Amino acid sequence: MTMHRTAQVNVDAMIEDLRALVETESPSRDVDALTASAKVVATVIESRLGGQALLVDSEAGPHVHWSGGGDPKVLILGHHDTVFPLGTLERRPFTVRDGHVTGPGVFDMLGGLVQAVHGLATLEDRSGVEILITADEEVGSHSSRSLIEERALACGAVLVFEGAADGGALKTGRKGCGTFRVSVTGRASHAGLEPAAGVNALIEAAHQVLDIAALGRPEIGTTVTPTVASAGTLDNVVPAGATVVVDVRVESADEKERIESAFAALAPHLEGARIAVEGSVGRPPMPESAAAELFGVAQRLLPGLEGKAVGGGSDGNFTAALGVPTLDGLGAVGGGAHADHEYLVIDAMPERAHLVAGLVTAIQHR
């Protein structure tokens, strides 16, 4: 099996479509911005593939769904929300220079969307292909998860266009990930006149941070990282409240259960303090077995292609947990996700577009 190259892609056209997407800023949770972004995504899909791209309303903003008709066989999965606030584009405009494209969202993951669409455009037969571009992946996919799972089960194979791993490798495994919020309630008092009359929520939170950090087992891939904390109101008041936010990554379902049970069992150290915990490991682990079949096809299409298991999560975690064959990291080759130096490598765009065409063709005929 070799890469399908009878129809070529136009790199200039890919860059212009990418410009249109990047220059319509799409921060998560900004429904107005995401509505404008979804319309641009739909326009790009329709202009390159024909048919109609439907906007699926949700409380997070519109998701975009397109079908090539026929019996569903493969789901092209991505998202159009980004982590960058409105105004980032003014500070960091879309730029093409020295073989790279830079700008907010070019790598995570607008470049991947463009490559997928242009790759599909090289195929005469797009039957059985669906595209789903969601509006809330960066904030947990709460409004899109049921739709993602529904279409993944209907199609039976999922190609995820998140950015590639280091060196252009595909992502063949992902950790499960989640966020916990630990709220501490104490009792306020005057810090100078009667500090002992209070229950210091900040001190209790410090105890909790140490307990929480001790839950990590990095030797088996479990990381538990307190990331954000807040406490208190004024410098002369014993704080009555505090919160700690924690990022969790796990490689197995057993560790997911252990961590969730441990957070549920957190207990206060100070008399009179109260603890409340919200959150879970919302994205289950994506085992490498879920990618094995499709990764084998990709390697036959593109000899020398590597695969890597990574710590970050994606919507592919959901589809893999259903037992649906899922291959991730098919998007842009580049780096700097969520950072100011985010970039995409232009020379890799045609090869990645042809890779999706080859994978889709193989899935259509398996």
Protein backbone atom coordinates (compact mmCIF):
# COMPACT_ATOMS: atom_id res chain seq x y z
CA MET A 1 0.00 0.00 0.00
CA THR A 2 1.37 3.43 -0.92
CA MET A 3 0.23 7.00 -0.55
CA HIS A 4 -2.46 8.21 -2.97
CA ARG A 5 -0.89 11.09 -4.92
CA THR A 6 -2.83 11.23 -8.19
CA ALA A 7 -4.54 14.46 -7.12
CA GLN A 8 -2.26 17.08 -5.60
CA VAL A 9 -3.04 19.63 -2.94
CA ASN A 10 -2.52 23.36 -3.35
CA VAL A 11 -0.38 24.59 -0.47
CA ASP A 12 -1.19 28.25 -1.15
CA ALA A 13 -4.91 27.45 -0.94
CA MET A 14 -4.32 25.56 2.32
CA ILE A 15 -2.52 28.55 3.80
CA GLU A 16 -5.30 30.92 2.77
CA ASP A 17 -7.94 28.68 4.36
CA LEU A 18 -5.79 28.52 7.49
CA ARG A 19 -5.54 32.31 7.50
CA ALA A 20 -9.34 32.59 7.36
CA LEU A 21 -9.69 30.29 10.37
CA VAL A 22 -6.95 31.88 12.47
CA GLU A 23 -8.11 35.43 11.77
CA THR A 24 -11.55 34.55 13.14
CA GLU A 25 -10.54 34.27 16.78
CA SER A 26 -12.29 31.46 18.65
CA PRO A 27 -11.58 31.39 22.40
CA SER A 28 -13.37 28.66 24.33
CA ARG A 29 -16.56 29.75 26.14
CA ASP A 30 -17.01 32.86 23.95
CA VAL A 31 -20.18 31.76 22.16
CA ASP A 32 -20.34 34.79 19.85
CA ALA A 33 -16.75 34.30 18.70
CA LEU A 34 -17.25 30.55 18.33
CA THR A 35 -20.40 31.12 16.28
CA ALA A 36 -18.43 33.27 13.85
CA SER A 37 -15.64 30.69 13.80
CA ALA A 38 -18.04 27.81 13.13
CA LYS A 39 -19.43 29.66 10.12
CA VAL A 40 -15.92 30.04 8.69
CA VAL A 41 -15.17 26.35 9.32
CA ALA A 42 -18.40 25.42 7.53
CA THR A 43 -17.55 27.69 4.60
CA VAL A 44 -14.09 26.12 4.20
CA ILE A 45 -15.55 22.61 4.28
CA GLU A 46 -18.32 23.40 1.81
CA SER A 47 -16.03 25.26 -0.59
CA ARG A 48 -13.56 22.35 -0.76
CA LEU A 49 -15.85 19.33 -0.41
CA GLY A 50 -19.30 20.47 -1.48
CA GLY A 51 -22.45 19.50 0.33
CA GLN A 52 -23.67 21.23 3.45
CA ALA A 53 -21.86 21.60 6.76
CA LEU A 54 -24.43 21.82 9.53
CA LEU A 55 -24.01 23.94 12.64
CA VAL A 56 -25.08 21.98 15.72
CA ASP A 57 -26.00 24.43 18.46
CA SER A 58 -24.83 23.85 22.02
CA GLU A 59 -24.41 25.89 25.17
CA ALA A 60 -20.66 26.02 24.42
CA GLY A 61 -21.10 27.27 20.86
CA PRO A 62 -21.78 25.60 17.51
CA HIS A 63 -20.21 22.30 16.50
CA VAL A 64 -19.80 21.71 12.76
CA HIS A 65 -20.91 18.42 11.17
CA TRP A 66 -20.51 17.34 7.52
CA SER A 67 -21.25 14.04 5.80
CA GLY A 68 -20.14 12.69 2.45
CA GLY A 69 -23.23 10.46 2.35
CA GLY A 70 -23.56 6.69 2.28
CA ASP A 71 -23.03 4.34 5.19
CA PRO A 72 -20.81 5.99 7.83
CA LYS A 73 -17.34 4.42 7.99
CA VAL A 74 -14.87 7.00 9.30
CA LEU A 75 -15.14 10.08 11.50
CA ILE A 76 -12.73 12.98 11.00
CA LEU A 77 -12.59 14.61 14.43
CA GLY A 78 -11.30 18.01 15.51
CA HIS A 79 -12.17 21.24 17.31
CA HIS A 80 -12.24 24.92 16.37
CA ASP A 81 -12.01 26.47 19.83
CA THR A 82 -8.61 27.73 21.00
CA VAL A 83 -7.11 28.71 24.35
CA PHE A 84 -6.23 32.26 23.33
CA PRO A 85 -8.35 35.24 24.44
CA LEU A 86 -9.75 37.79 22.03
CA GLY A 87 -7.08 40.28 21.07
CA THR A 88 -4.26 37.74 20.81
CA LEU A 89 -4.33 38.06 17.02
CA GLU A 90 -3.49 41.75 17.21
CA ARG A 91 -0.42 40.98 19.27
CA ARG A 92 0.52 37.84 17.36
CA PRO A 93 -0.89 38.08 13.82
CA PHE A 94 -1.07 35.30 11.25
CA THR A 95 2.38 35.21 9.66
CA VAL A 96 4.05 33.10 6.97
CA ARG A 97 7.83 33.24 7.20
CA ASP A 98 10.84 30.95 6.76
CA GLY A 99 8.79 27.83 6.09
CA HIS A 100 6.57 28.27 9.16
CA VAL A 101 3.09 29.64 9.81
CA THR A 102 2.57 31.31 13.18
CA GLY A 103 -0.50 32.70 14.87
CA PRO A 104 -2.97 31.68 17.59
CA GLY A 105 -4.27 28.16 16.99
CA VAL A 106 -2.24 27.26 13.90
CA PHE A 107 -0.91 24.08 15.52
CA ASP A 108 -3.69 23.34 18.01
CA MET A 109 -5.54 22.65 15.90
CA LEU A 110 -6.67 24.76 12.98
CA GLY A 111 -3.83 23.60 10.73
CA GLY A 112 -4.97 20.01 11.16
CA LEU A 113 -8.51 20.91 10.11
CA VAL A 114 -7.25 22.46 6.90
CA GLN A 115 -5.03 19.49 6.11
CA ALA A 116 -7.92 17.07 6.66
CA VAL A 117 -10.30 18.99 4.40
CA HIS A 118 -7.75 19.40 1.61
CA GLY A 119 -6.76 15.76 1.87
CA LEU A 120 -10.36 14.66 1.50
CA ALA A 121 -10.74 17.02 -1.45
CA THR A 122 -8.26 14.88 -3.42
CA LEU A 123 -10.67 11.93 -3.24
CA GLU A 124 -13.40 11.42 -5.81
CA ASP A 125 -15.24 9.10 -3.43
CA ARG A 126 -16.05 10.65 -0.05
CA SER A 127 -18.90 8.34 0.80
CA GLY A 128 -18.93 7.12 4.37
CA VAL A 129 -16.83 10.05 5.57
CA GLU A 130 -18.06 12.35 8.33
CA ILE A 131 -16.39 15.44 9.77
CA LEU A 132 -17.15 16.71 13.27
CA ILE A 133 -15.46 19.90 14.47
CA THR A 134 -16.43 20.75 18.04
CA ALA A 135 -16.51 24.02 19.97
CA ASP A 136 -15.40 22.99 23.46
CA GLU A 137 -12.52 20.51 23.36
CA GLU A 138 -10.16 22.85 25.18
CA VAL A 139 -12.53 23.08 28.15
CA GLY A 140 -13.51 19.43 28.57
CA SER A 141 -15.93 18.68 25.70
CA HIS A 142 -18.90 18.66 28.08
CA SER A 143 -21.41 19.76 25.43
CA SER A 144 -19.94 17.70 22.59
CA ARG A 145 -19.05 14.39 24.21
CA SER A 146 -22.38 12.66 23.57
CA LEU A 147 -22.33 13.71 19.90
CA ILE A 148 -18.71 12.62 19.51
CA GLU A 149 -19.49 9.21 20.98
CA GLU A 150 -22.64 8.81 18.90
CA ARG A 151 -20.89 9.52 15.61
CA ALA A 152 -17.80 7.47 16.54
CA LEU A 153 -19.93 4.40 17.24
CA ALA A 154 -21.87 4.94 14.02
CA CYS A 155 -18.72 5.27 11.91
CA GLY A 156 -16.54 2.59 13.50
CA ALA A 157 -13.20 4.37 12.97
CA VAL A 158 -11.91 7.77 14.11
CA LEU A 159 -9.08 9.94 12.79
CA VAL A 160 -8.20 12.80 15.14
CA PHE A 161 -6.48 15.89 13.73
CA GLU A 162 -4.77 17.22 16.81
CA GLY A 163 -1.21 18.39 16.19
CA ALA A 164 1.48 15.77 15.71
CA ALA A 165 3.82 14.67 18.48
CA ASP A 166 7.49 15.68 18.44
CA GLY A 167 9.16 15.00 15.11
CA GLY A 168 5.85 14.54 13.33
CA ALA A 169 4.98 11.29 15.12
CA LEU A 170 1.37 10.20 15.36
CA LYS A 171 -0.21 9.90 18.80
CA THR A 172 -0.92 6.25 19.46
CA GLY A 173 -1.78 6.54 23.16
CA ARG A 174 -2.89 9.24 25.56
CA LYS A 175 -3.20 9.52 29.30
CA GLY A 176 -6.56 9.97 30.88
CA CYS A 177 -6.85 13.44 32.32
CA GLY A 178 -9.06 15.47 34.59
CA THR A 179 -9.32 18.47 36.86
CA PHE A 180 -10.30 18.53 40.52
CA ARG A 181 -11.29 21.56 42.57
CA VAL A 182 -10.87 21.33 46.32
CA SER A 183 -12.75 23.98 48.30
CA VAL A 184 -11.85 24.66 51.94
CA THR A 185 -14.20 26.40 54.33
CA GLY A 186 -12.80 27.80 57.57
CA ARG A 187 -13.85 30.67 59.81
CA ALA A 188 -12.80 34.28 59.62
CA SER A 189 -11.43 36.25 62.56
CA HIS A 190 -9.21 39.28 63.16
CA ALA A 191 -5.62 38.26 62.44
CA GLY A 192 -4.26 40.57 65.12
CA LEU A 193 -6.86 40.62 67.86
CA GLU A 194 -8.00 36.99 67.97
CA PRO A 195 -6.35 34.79 65.33
CA ALA A 196 -7.05 31.66 67.39
CA ALA A 197 -10.79 32.31 67.10
CA GLY A 198 -10.63 31.61 63.39
CA VAL A 199 -10.12 28.48 61.34
CA ASN A 200 -7.43 29.31 58.79
CA ALA A 201 -8.54 27.99 55.42
CA LEU A 202 -5.16 28.82 53.90
CA ILE A 203 -3.31 26.60 56.37
CA GLU A 204 -5.84 23.83 55.75
CA ALA A 205 -5.34 24.25 52.00
CA ALA A 206 -1.58 23.92 52.49
CA HIS A 207 -2.12 20.59 54.24
CA GLN A 208 -4.39 19.48 51.42
CA VAL A 209 -1.84 20.42 48.76
CA LEU A 210 0.75 18.18 50.39
CA ASP A 211 -1.73 15.31 50.71
CA ILE A 212 -2.82 15.72 47.11
CA ALA A 213 0.69 15.92 45.67
CA ALA A 214 1.54 12.68 47.46
CA LEU A 215 -1.09 10.85 45.38
CA GLY A 216 1.10 10.96 42.28
CA ARG A 217 2.85 7.83 41.05
CA PRO A 218 5.01 9.11 38.19
CA GLU A 219 6.79 5.75 37.92
CA ILE A 220 3.55 4.30 36.48
CA GLY A 221 2.49 7.44 34.63
CA THR A 222 0.22 9.03 37.25
CA THR A 223 0.84 12.74 37.80
CA VAL A 224 -1.13 14.81 40.30
CA THR A 225 -0.23 18.48 40.04
CA PRO A 226 -1.75 21.33 42.06
CA THR A 227 -1.87 24.21 39.58
CA VAL A 228 -3.99 27.10 40.90
CA ALA A 229 -4.69 28.21 44.46
CA SER A 230 -6.50 31.14 46.03
CA ALA A 231 -7.33 32.14 49.60
CA GLY A 232 -8.25 35.05 51.80
CA THR A 233 -9.68 38.52 51.39
CA LEU A 234 -7.60 41.01 53.40
CA ASP A 235 -4.17 40.92 54.96
CA ASN A 236 -5.53 41.30 58.52
CA VAL A 237 -8.26 38.65 58.29
CA VAL A 238 -7.83 34.93 58.98
CA PRO A 239 -9.02 33.47 55.66
CA ALA A 240 -12.38 31.75 55.77
CA GLY A 241 -12.12 30.19 52.34
CA ALA A 242 -9.55 28.72 49.97
CA THR A 243 -9.55 26.71 46.76
CA VAL A 244 -6.99 24.47 45.10
CA VAL A 245 -7.23 23.29 41.48
CA VAL A 246 -5.42 20.09 40.53
CA ASP A 247 -4.46 18.59 37.17
CA VAL A 248 -4.44 14.77 37.05
CA ARG A 249 -3.05 12.42 34.36
CA VAL A 250 -3.30 8.60 34.47
CA GLU A 251 -2.41 5.75 32.13
CA SER A 252 -4.86 3.11 33.37
CA ALA A 253 -8.47 2.70 34.43
CA ASP A 254 -7.29 1.33 37.79
CA GLU A 255 -5.37 4.53 38.48
CA LYS A 256 -8.39 6.59 37.45
CA GLU A 257 -10.45 4.80 40.10
CA ARG A 258 -7.73 5.11 42.74
CA ILE A 259 -7.31 8.84 42.21
CA GLU A 260 -11.02 9.58 42.19
CA SER A 261 -11.48 7.56 45.40
CA ALA A 262 -8.55 9.35 47.04
CA PHE A 263 -9.97 12.79 46.27
CA ALA A 264 -13.35 11.72 47.62
CA ALA A 265 -11.66 10.62 50.84
CA LEU A 266 -9.77 13.86 51.54
CA ALA A 267 -10.31 14.95 55.13
CA PRO A 268 -9.53 18.19 56.98
CA HIS A 269 -6.54 18.52 59.29
CA LEU A 270 -7.79 21.51 61.30
CA GLU A 271 -10.68 21.24 63.71
CA GLY A 272 -13.63 23.15 62.31
CA ALA A 273 -12.44 23.13 58.68
CA ARG A 274 -14.58 21.59 55.96
CA ILE A 275 -13.54 20.13 52.59
CA ALA A 276 -15.58 19.85 49.38
CA VAL A 277 -14.28 18.21 46.21
CA GLU A 278 -15.53 18.58 42.65
CA GLY A 279 -14.18 16.97 39.49
CA SER A 280 -13.11 13.64 38.04
CA VAL A 281 -10.76 12.10 35.50
CA GLY A 282 -13.16 13.15 32.76
CA ARG A 283 -11.17 11.86 29.80
CA PRO A 284 -10.45 8.14 30.13
CA PRO A 285 -7.04 6.83 29.05
CA MET A 286 -6.54 6.06 25.35
CA PRO A 287 -4.65 2.74 25.26
CA GLU A 288 -2.18 2.13 22.46
CA SER A 289 -4.20 -0.92 21.45
CA ALA A 290 -6.94 1.43 20.21
CA ALA A 291 -4.59 2.86 17.59
CA ALA A 292 -2.80 -0.33 16.56
CA GLU A 293 -4.86 -1.20 13.48
CA LEU A 294 -5.02 2.29 11.99
CA PHE A 295 -1.41 3.06 12.87
CA GLY A 296 -0.37 -0.04 10.93
CA VAL A 297 -2.21 1.31 7.90
CA ALA A 298 -0.52 4.71 8.32
CA GLN A 299 2.92 3.10 8.47
CA ARG A 300 2.27 1.22 5.26
CA LEU A 301 1.19 4.44 3.61
CA LEU A 302 4.13 6.42 4.96
CA PRO A 303 7.07 4.12 5.82
CA GLY A 304 9.18 5.36 8.69
CA LEU A 305 6.27 7.11 10.39
CA GLU A 306 6.60 6.91 14.18
CA GLY A 307 4.00 6.71 16.91
CA LYS A 308 4.21 8.00 20.48
CA ALA A 309 2.12 7.83 23.61
CA VAL A 310 1.67 11.31 25.09
CA GLY A 311 0.43 12.87 28.31
CA GLY A 312 -2.15 15.27 26.91
CA GLY A 313 -5.76 14.28 26.32
CA SER A 314 -8.08 14.83 23.36
CA ASP A 315 -11.53 13.82 22.19
CA GLY A 316 -9.86 10.67 20.90
CA ASN A 317 -9.78 9.50 24.52
CA PHE A 318 -13.57 9.27 24.45
CA THR A 319 -13.78 7.34 21.21
CA ALA A 320 -10.99 4.93 22.13
CA ALA A 321 -12.71 4.19 25.45
CA LEU A 322 -15.72 2.99 23.46
CA GLY A 323 -13.56 0.42 21.69
CA VAL A 324 -13.62 2.34 18.40
CA PRO A 325 -10.29 2.22 16.53
CA THR A 326 -8.80 5.69 16.95
CA LEU A 327 -5.65 7.30 15.56
CA ASP A 328 -4.58 10.72 16.82
CA GLY A 329 -1.93 13.34 16.02
CA LEU A 330 -2.75 13.43 12.32
CA GLY A 331 -2.83 17.22 12.27
CA ALA A 332 -0.15 19.84 11.83
CA VAL A 333 3.54 19.15 12.21
CA GLY A 334 4.97 21.91 14.38
CA GLY A 335 4.91 22.78 18.05
CA GLY A 336 4.26 25.32 20.77
CA ALA A 337 0.67 24.34 21.53
CA HIS A 338 -0.94 26.92 23.88
CA ALA A 339 2.19 29.10 23.76
CA ASP A 340 3.24 32.31 22.06
CA HIS A 341 5.77 30.49 19.86
CA GLU A 342 3.15 28.14 18.37
CA TYR A 343 4.00 27.25 14.75
CA LEU A 344 3.19 24.96 11.84
CA VAL A 345 5.69 23.51 9.32
CA ILE A 346 4.49 24.30 5.81
CA ASP A 347 6.49 21.60 4.01
CA ALA A 348 4.70 18.88 6.00
CA MET A 349 1.20 20.02 5.02
CA PRO A 350 0.90 18.21 1.64
CA GLU A 351 2.20 14.92 3.02
CA ARG A 352 -0.25 15.03 5.93
CA ALA A 353 -3.12 15.87 3.58
CA HIS A 354 -2.26 12.87 1.40
CA LEU A 355 -1.96 10.69 4.50
CA VAL A 356 -5.58 11.38 5.45
CA ALA A 357 -6.64 10.59 1.90
CA GLY A 358 -4.81 7.27 2.05
CA LEU A 359 -6.21 6.37 5.45
CA VAL A 360 -9.77 7.19 4.44
CA THR A 361 -9.47 5.15 1.25
CA ALA A 362 -8.13 2.18 3.19
CA ILE A 363 -10.96 2.41 5.72
CA GLN A 364 -13.59 2.72 2.98
CA HIS A 365 -12.39 -0.53 1.42
CA ARG A 366 -11.49 -2.64 4.46
